[in-house]
Structures are given as structure tokens and as C-alpha cells.
Amino acid sequence: MKIAVGADHGGFELKEHVMSWLKDHGYGVEDCGTYDGEVSVDYPEFGRLVSKKVTGGECELGVLICGTGIGISIAANKVRGIRCSLCHDTFSAKMARQHNDANVLAMGGRVIGRGLALEVLDAWLGQTFEGGRHQRRVDQIGDIERD
């Protein structure tokens, strides 16, 4: 599985840590930037880039990190077909995949520690979409995108 990973300057350090963990666990990784945590950059650029990699089929899933995770998740969710979930705990991460078929995970580099971030990531990656009654709701989200 190939995962697109992107961050702004506030998420740069955690992005590097997450990418290393992903590679160590056998995932393909596409680094979508930023490549320097010292230079201020705009999170919407990276939210869009990672999301387009997912919706374009170049990557199966995406991970986004900014200072809080809020802005970058909002930006990602503007891309049709993206269901980005901001998660800082393992339960939310599991439910995001099982019930919402989240295809992008967002986290806040200034909110979550490295250890917990990896637990959240592992929990998120370890789940699959349950479908059933949840499919109806995911379809309704898609309907909103077409309004």
C-alpha cells in the first residue's frame, strides 16, 4: 500500500517521524512536502496535494499534519472524494476507517506526541470500512459534494 504524506512547517517533524515508521512497516510512502520545518508554508497546498494523490489513485491513503491538524483537514475535505478525519486518539481513528471510510488521516504536530501519533496511525491503518448501514451515510456525504 502506498500512502501520501504531507505537512506544513508545524507538522514537519512529526511528518518525518511518521514517514520513517511507515517505511519501517513496509508501506510505500510518497513525501508530498514540506521539506523544511524552518520555512513557513501554507497548509492548504499540502492538504490539496495529498488529497489529489488519493483521489487520483496514485496513493491508496493519505496522512496530513499541520500544527493542530484542523486547517489541513478542512482543506483536504474540500477535495471531492476525500473523507479526512482529524484524530488524536485510537478510538476515533478506528471509527474513522470502520464507519466513515476515511481515506485521509490528519493529526496536529503541536497537539499529539510522537508515540501517540504512531498508535493513532497504526489503529487507523489496521481497520477496514464495515459498509452496511455506514455505506448509506458515506453515500450521503458524496451527495453533499455534488450539491
Protein backbone atom coordinates (compact mmCIF):
# COMPACT_ATOMS: atom_id res chain seq x y z
CA MET A 1 0.00 0.00 0.00
CA LYS A 2 1.24 3.47 -0.89
CA ILE A 3 0.47 6.38 1.40
CA ALA A 4 0.82 10.08 0.53
CA VAL A 5 2.15 12.12 3.46
CA GLY A 6 2.20 15.90 3.69
CA ALA A 7 2.64 18.62 6.28
CA ASP A 8 3.19 22.30 6.73
CA HIS A 9 6.03 23.68 8.86
CA GLY A 10 4.06 23.00 12.08
CA GLY A 11 3.82 19.33 11.23
CA PHE A 12 7.20 18.80 9.59
CA GLU A 13 8.94 16.99 12.45
CA LEU A 14 6.03 14.61 13.05
CA LYS A 15 5.73 14.02 9.30
CA GLU A 16 9.33 12.84 9.17
CA HIS A 17 8.73 10.52 12.13
CA VAL A 18 5.52 9.13 10.60
CA MET A 19 7.18 8.51 7.23
CA SER A 20 10.02 6.62 8.88
CA TRP A 21 7.55 4.43 10.78
CA LEU A 22 5.53 3.76 7.62
CA LYS A 23 8.63 2.72 5.68
CA ASP A 24 9.80 0.52 8.56
CA HIS A 25 6.42 -1.23 8.47
CA GLY A 26 6.54 -1.95 4.74
CA TYR A 27 4.34 0.83 3.40
CA GLY A 28 5.21 2.75 0.27
CA VAL A 29 5.43 6.45 1.02
CA GLU A 30 5.10 9.47 -1.21
CA ASP A 31 6.54 12.54 0.51
CA CYS A 32 4.42 15.49 -0.60
CA GLY A 33 6.34 18.06 1.46
CA THR A 34 7.06 20.36 3.10
CA TYR A 35 10.74 19.56 3.13
CA ASP A 36 11.88 22.12 5.70
CA GLY A 37 10.33 22.83 9.09
CA GLU A 38 12.02 26.22 9.39
CA VAL A 39 10.24 27.94 6.49
CA SER A 40 6.62 28.99 7.00
CA VAL A 41 4.35 27.48 4.34
CA ASP A 42 0.60 27.35 3.78
CA TYR A 43 -1.17 24.15 4.84
CA PRO A 44 -3.91 24.22 2.13
CA GLU A 45 -1.28 23.49 -0.51
CA PHE A 46 -0.31 20.24 1.20
CA GLY A 47 -3.87 19.26 2.05
CA ARG A 48 -4.77 19.57 -1.60
CA LEU A 49 -1.67 17.81 -2.91
CA VAL A 50 -2.07 14.74 -0.70
CA SER A 51 -5.80 14.60 -1.37
CA LYS A 52 -5.28 14.71 -5.13
CA LYS A 53 -2.78 11.82 -4.85
CA VAL A 54 -5.51 9.79 -3.14
CA THR A 55 -8.41 10.71 -5.41
CA GLY A 56 -6.18 10.33 -8.47
CA GLY A 57 -5.31 6.76 -7.48
CA GLU A 58 -1.59 7.35 -7.11
CA CYS A 59 -1.86 6.51 -3.40
CA GLU A 60 -4.45 4.47 -1.53
CA LEU A 61 -4.48 6.64 1.59
CA GLY A 62 -3.10 9.93 2.88
CA VAL A 63 -1.73 11.37 6.11
CA LEU A 64 -1.67 15.11 6.76
CA ILE A 65 -0.09 17.06 9.61
CA CYS A 66 -0.17 20.74 10.50
CA GLY A 67 0.15 22.47 13.86
CA THR A 68 -3.28 21.44 15.11
CA GLY A 69 -4.49 19.27 12.24
CA ILE A 70 -7.58 21.46 11.94
CA GLY A 71 -6.70 23.67 8.98
CA ILE A 72 -5.13 20.94 6.89
CA SER A 73 -8.10 18.62 7.47
CA ILE A 74 -10.53 21.36 6.42
CA ALA A 75 -8.50 21.95 3.26
CA ALA A 76 -8.36 18.23 2.46
CA ASN A 77 -12.11 17.84 2.87
CA LYS A 78 -12.70 20.43 0.15
CA VAL A 79 -11.39 17.91 -2.40
CA ARG A 80 -14.24 15.83 -3.81
CA GLY A 81 -13.96 12.22 -2.69
CA ILE A 82 -11.85 12.91 0.38
CA ARG A 83 -13.03 11.94 3.81
CA CYS A 84 -10.31 13.31 6.06
CA SER A 85 -10.61 12.67 9.78
CA LEU A 86 -8.71 14.63 12.39
CA CYS A 87 -7.79 12.10 15.09
CA HIS A 88 -5.73 12.35 18.25
CA ASP A 89 -6.89 9.11 19.87
CA THR A 90 -7.04 5.49 18.74
CA PHE A 91 -10.80 5.05 19.15
CA SER A 92 -11.58 7.95 16.80
CA ALA A 93 -9.00 6.64 14.33
CA LYS A 94 -10.61 3.19 14.29
CA MET A 95 -14.11 4.59 13.89
CA ALA A 96 -12.98 6.95 11.12
CA ARG A 97 -11.99 3.96 8.99
CA GLN A 98 -14.70 1.50 10.10
CA HIS A 99 -17.70 3.83 9.93
CA ASN A 100 -16.67 6.77 7.74
CA ASP A 101 -14.30 5.09 5.28
CA ALA A 102 -11.81 7.89 5.97
CA ASN A 103 -9.17 7.90 3.27
CA VAL A 104 -7.01 10.62 4.84
CA LEU A 105 -5.87 10.94 8.45
CA ALA A 106 -4.99 14.34 9.89
CA MET A 107 -3.07 14.99 13.10
CA GLY A 108 -1.66 18.04 14.85
CA GLY A 109 2.10 18.11 15.22
CA ARG A 110 1.79 20.58 18.12
CA VAL A 111 -1.04 18.63 19.75
CA ILE A 112 -0.05 14.98 19.78
CA GLY A 113 3.19 13.35 20.87
CA ARG A 114 5.21 11.09 18.62
CA GLY A 115 4.31 7.88 20.45
CA LEU A 116 0.58 8.50 20.48
CA ALA A 117 0.68 9.69 16.86
CA LEU A 118 2.10 6.33 15.82
CA GLU A 119 -0.54 4.49 17.88
CA VAL A 120 -3.26 6.54 16.18
CA LEU A 121 -1.75 5.87 12.76
CA ASP A 122 -1.44 2.14 13.44
CA ALA A 123 -5.02 1.96 14.71
CA TRP A 124 -6.28 3.83 11.64
CA LEU A 125 -4.33 1.67 9.19
CA GLY A 126 -5.42 -1.52 10.94
CA GLN A 127 -9.10 -1.02 10.16
CA THR A 128 -11.30 -1.54 7.14
CA PHE A 129 -14.62 0.02 6.21
CA GLU A 130 -17.54 -2.00 7.56
CA GLY A 131 -20.01 -0.92 4.87
CA GLY A 132 -23.62 -1.85 5.63
CA ARG A 133 -25.53 1.00 7.27
CA HIS A 134 -22.36 3.06 7.16
CA GLN A 135 -22.26 2.92 3.34
CA ARG A 136 -25.57 4.77 3.18
CA ARG A 137 -24.08 7.59 5.25
CA VAL A 138 -20.88 7.75 3.24
CA ASP A 139 -23.03 7.93 0.10
CA GLN A 140 -24.94 10.85 1.65
CA ILE A 141 -21.63 12.65 2.18
CA GLY A 142 -20.91 12.14 -1.52
CA ASP A 143 -24.32 13.60 -2.33
CA ILE A 144 -23.42 16.76 -0.44
CA GLU A 145 -20.29 17.10 -2.59
CA ARG A 146 -22.46 17.08 -5.70
CA ASP A 147 -24.88 19.79 -4.45
